[in-house]
Amino acid sequence: NVSRISVNPQQIPFDIKLQKWIHMQLDPTSISLDKGYVRDKQIMFEPDSVVVSGPKSVVMLINNILKVKVPFKGIDKNFDESLNLNYYLNNPLLKLSHDKVNVKFNVRKRQKSNGR
């Protein structure tokens, strides 16, 4: 039994907004190393950038650098973790190309200076 419903409205309202995409570079904001430790070499991100898309009026308001929050304190060993980027989506109209980013960096004990 199939029923057929015909709808013939005079108007169908909908809202069209211009869409915009931007590539965002990733930047670590808060890497907290344990006392006496330093980061060895640079931080690696995989992917190294994300694409943000949404209505042009909303996308134009955001910065082109995404601050990656590293939620660990006192890091004293090499770091290789997958971190969520969902916290950034405080606007349901924005979409990220990736939900997570892998953050990797090495740490080492700071060398003590010998007074020279």
C-alpha atoms as a PDB file:
ATOM      1  CA  ASN A   1       0.000   0.000   0.000  1.00  0.00           C
ATOM      2  CA  VAL A   2       1.621   3.189  -1.194  1.00  0.00           C
ATOM      3  CA  SER A   3       0.024   6.573  -0.638  1.00  0.00           C
ATOM      4  CA  ARG A   4       0.844   9.478  -2.835  1.00  0.00           C
ATOM      5  CA  ILE A   5       0.863  12.973  -1.435  1.00  0.00           C
ATOM      6  CA  SER A   6       0.963  15.980  -3.704  1.00  0.00           C
ATOM      7  CA  VAL A   7       2.393  19.242  -2.449  1.00  0.00           C
ATOM      8  CA  ASN A   8       2.064  22.298  -4.570  1.00  0.00           C
ATOM      9  CA  PRO A   9       3.177  25.327  -2.563  1.00  0.00           C
ATOM     10  CA  GLN A  10       3.352  28.783  -4.054  1.00  0.00           C
ATOM     11  CA  GLN A  11       6.716  29.348  -2.352  1.00  0.00           C
ATOM     12  CA  ILE A  12       9.410  27.160  -0.854  1.00  0.00           C
ATOM     13  CA  PRO A  13      11.562  29.330   1.443  1.00  0.00           C
ATOM     14  CA  PHE A  14      15.258  28.545   1.730  1.00  0.00           C
ATOM     15  CA  ASP A  15      18.369  30.471   2.591  1.00  0.00           C
ATOM     16  CA  ILE A  16      21.445  30.430   0.365  1.00  0.00           C
ATOM     17  CA  LYS A  17      24.716  31.678   1.843  1.00  0.00           C
ATOM     18  CA  LEU A  18      28.015  32.001   0.043  1.00  0.00           C
ATOM     19  CA  GLN A  19      30.397  29.266   1.164  1.00  0.00           C
ATOM     20  CA  LYS A  20      34.085  29.782   1.892  1.00  0.00           C
ATOM     21  CA  TRP A  21      36.982  27.418   2.562  1.00  0.00           C
ATOM     22  CA  ILE A  22      40.276  28.329   4.166  1.00  0.00           C
ATOM     23  CA  HIS A  23      43.373  26.292   4.930  1.00  0.00           C
ATOM     24  CA  MET A  24      44.413  26.705   8.537  1.00  0.00           C
ATOM     25  CA  GLN A  25      47.944  26.134   9.746  1.00  0.00           C
ATOM     26  CA  LEU A  26      48.248  24.295  13.059  1.00  0.00           C
ATOM     27  CA  ASP A  27      50.010  25.925  15.981  1.00  0.00           C
ATOM     28  CA  PRO A  28      50.628  24.438  19.451  1.00  0.00           C
ATOM     29  CA  THR A  29      49.467  26.810  22.166  1.00  0.00           C
ATOM     30  CA  SER A  30      50.239  25.139  25.420  1.00  0.00           C
ATOM     31  CA  ILE A  31      52.952  22.541  25.558  1.00  0.00           C
ATOM     32  CA  SER A  32      53.960  22.150  29.166  1.00  0.00           C
ATOM     33  CA  LEU A  33      57.287  20.339  29.534  1.00  0.00           C
ATOM     34  CA  ASP A  34      58.568  19.084  32.863  1.00  0.00           C
ATOM     35  CA  LYS A  35      61.169  21.246  34.556  1.00  0.00           C
ATOM     36  CA  GLY A  36      64.625  20.548  33.145  1.00  0.00           C
ATOM     37  CA  TYR A  37      63.321  19.306  29.780  1.00  0.00           C
ATOM     38  CA  VAL A  38      63.378  20.993  26.381  1.00  0.00           C
ATOM     39  CA  ARG A  39      61.748  20.160  23.096  1.00  0.00           C
ATOM     40  CA  ASP A  40      64.145  18.567  20.645  1.00  0.00           C
ATOM     41  CA  LYS A  41      63.532  19.716  17.065  1.00  0.00           C
ATOM     42  CA  GLN A  42      60.190  20.842  15.732  1.00  0.00           C
ATOM     43  CA  ILE A  43      56.641  19.711  16.376  1.00  0.00           C
ATOM     44  CA  MET A  44      55.149  17.495  13.679  1.00  0.00           C
ATOM     45  CA  PHE A  45      51.445  17.613  12.851  1.00  0.00           C
ATOM     46  CA  GLU A  46      49.623  15.034  10.754  1.00  0.00           C
ATOM     47  CA  PRO A  47      47.831  16.486   8.886  1.00  0.00           C
ATOM     48  CA  ASP A  48      49.883  19.688   8.878  1.00  0.00           C
ATOM     49  CA  SER A  49      46.821  21.849   8.162  1.00  0.00           C
ATOM     50  CA  VAL A  50      43.051  21.575   8.091  1.00  0.00           C
ATOM     51  CA  VAL A  51      40.383  23.067   5.868  1.00  0.00           C
ATOM     52  CA  VAL A  52      37.569  24.995   7.511  1.00  0.00           C
ATOM     53  CA  SER A  53      34.405  25.497   5.512  1.00  0.00           C
ATOM     54  CA  GLY A  54      31.131  27.236   6.149  1.00  0.00           C
ATOM     55  CA  PRO A  55      29.230  30.391   5.349  1.00  0.00           C
ATOM     56  CA  LYS A  56      31.575  33.093   4.086  1.00  0.00           C
ATOM     57  CA  SER A  57      30.306  35.565   6.683  1.00  0.00           C
ATOM     58  CA  VAL A  58      31.320  33.182   9.492  1.00  0.00           C
ATOM     59  CA  VAL A  59      34.579  31.862   7.996  1.00  0.00           C
ATOM     60  CA  MET A  60      35.843  35.407   7.374  1.00  0.00           C
ATOM     61  CA  LEU A  61      35.705  36.058  11.138  1.00  0.00           C
ATOM     62  CA  ILE A  62      38.190  33.339  12.073  1.00  0.00           C
ATOM     63  CA  ASN A  63      41.969  33.447  12.107  1.00  0.00           C
ATOM     64  CA  ASN A  64      43.895  31.305   9.626  1.00  0.00           C
ATOM     65  CA  ILE A  65      45.894  29.648  12.426  1.00  0.00           C
ATOM     66  CA  LEU A  66      44.265  26.927  14.498  1.00  0.00           C
ATOM     67  CA  LYS A  67      45.645  26.719  18.027  1.00  0.00           C
ATOM     68  CA  VAL A  68      46.063  23.052  18.954  1.00  0.00           C
ATOM     69  CA  LYS A  69      45.512  22.441  22.667  1.00  0.00           C
ATOM     70  CA  VAL A  70      47.892  19.885  24.181  1.00  0.00           C
ATOM     71  CA  PRO A  71      46.065  18.924  27.407  1.00  0.00           C
ATOM     72  CA  PHE A  72      49.019  17.279  29.172  1.00  0.00           C
ATOM     73  CA  LYS A  73      51.244  18.977  31.766  1.00  0.00           C
ATOM     74  CA  GLY A  74      54.833  18.211  32.718  1.00  0.00           C
ATOM     75  CA  ILE A  75      55.755  16.236  29.608  1.00  0.00           C
ATOM     76  CA  ASP A  76      59.083  14.467  30.178  1.00  0.00           C
ATOM     77  CA  LYS A  77      59.210  11.943  27.337  1.00  0.00           C
ATOM     78  CA  ASN A  78      58.698  11.904  23.599  1.00  0.00           C
ATOM     79  CA  PHE A  79      55.132  12.820  22.698  1.00  0.00           C
ATOM     80  CA  ASP A  80      52.996  11.133  20.038  1.00  0.00           C
ATOM     81  CA  GLU A  81      49.261  11.610  20.569  1.00  0.00           C
ATOM     82  CA  SER A  82      46.125  12.067  18.532  1.00  0.00           C
ATOM     83  CA  LEU A  83      44.213  15.145  19.711  1.00  0.00           C
ATOM     84  CA  ASN A  84      40.645  16.221  19.011  1.00  0.00           C
ATOM     85  CA  LEU A  85      39.997  19.416  17.101  1.00  0.00           C
ATOM     86  CA  ASN A  86      36.259  19.397  17.825  1.00  0.00           C
ATOM     87  CA  TYR A  87      36.586  22.030  20.574  1.00  0.00           C
ATOM     88  CA  TYR A  88      37.164  24.528  17.795  1.00  0.00           C
ATOM     89  CA  LEU A  89      33.715  24.033  16.346  1.00  0.00           C
ATOM     90  CA  ASN A  90      31.894  26.489  18.583  1.00  0.00           C
ATOM     91  CA  ASN A  91      29.720  27.292  15.587  1.00  0.00           C
ATOM     92  CA  PRO A  92      27.598  24.492  14.110  1.00  0.00           C
ATOM     93  CA  LEU A  93      27.877  26.107  10.661  1.00  0.00           C
ATOM     94  CA  LEU A  94      31.644  25.441  10.518  1.00  0.00           C
ATOM     95  CA  LYS A  95      33.078  22.147   9.306  1.00  0.00           C
ATOM     96  CA  LEU A  96      36.659  20.902   9.664  1.00  0.00           C
ATOM     97  CA  SER A  97      38.297  18.584   7.139  1.00  0.00           C
ATOM     98  CA  HIS A  98      39.747  16.520  10.033  1.00  0.00           C
ATOM     99  CA  ASP A  99      38.350  15.795  13.506  1.00  0.00           C
ATOM    100  CA  LYS A 100      41.758  14.890  14.930  1.00  0.00           C
ATOM    101  CA  VAL A 101      45.400  15.754  14.474  1.00  0.00           C
ATOM    102  CA  ASN A 102      48.407  13.679  15.469  1.00  0.00           C
ATOM    103  CA  VAL A 103      50.978  15.743  17.385  1.00  0.00           C
ATOM    104  CA  LYS A 104      54.498  14.401  17.658  1.00  0.00           C
ATOM    105  CA  PHE A 105      57.672  15.856  19.164  1.00  0.00           C
ATOM    106  CA  ASN A 106      60.744  14.686  21.037  1.00  0.00           C
ATOM    107  CA  VAL A 107      61.962  15.988  24.382  1.00  0.00           C
ATOM    108  CA  ARG A 108      65.304  15.698  26.095  1.00  0.00           C
ATOM    109  CA  LYS A 109      66.885  16.755  29.355  1.00  0.00           C
ATOM    110  CA  ARG A 110      68.306  20.244  29.232  1.00  0.00           C
ATOM    111  CA  GLN A 111      72.073  20.202  29.234  1.00  0.00           C
ATOM    112  CA  LYS A 112      73.559  21.935  32.206  1.00  0.00           C
ATOM    113  CA  SER A 113      75.908  24.736  31.370  1.00  0.00           C
ATOM    114  CA  ASN A 114      79.435  24.328  32.688  1.00  0.00           C
ATOM    115  CA  GLY A 115      79.910  28.053  33.270  1.00  0.00           C
ATOM    116  CA  ARG A 116      81.795  28.871  30.070  1.00  0.00           C
END
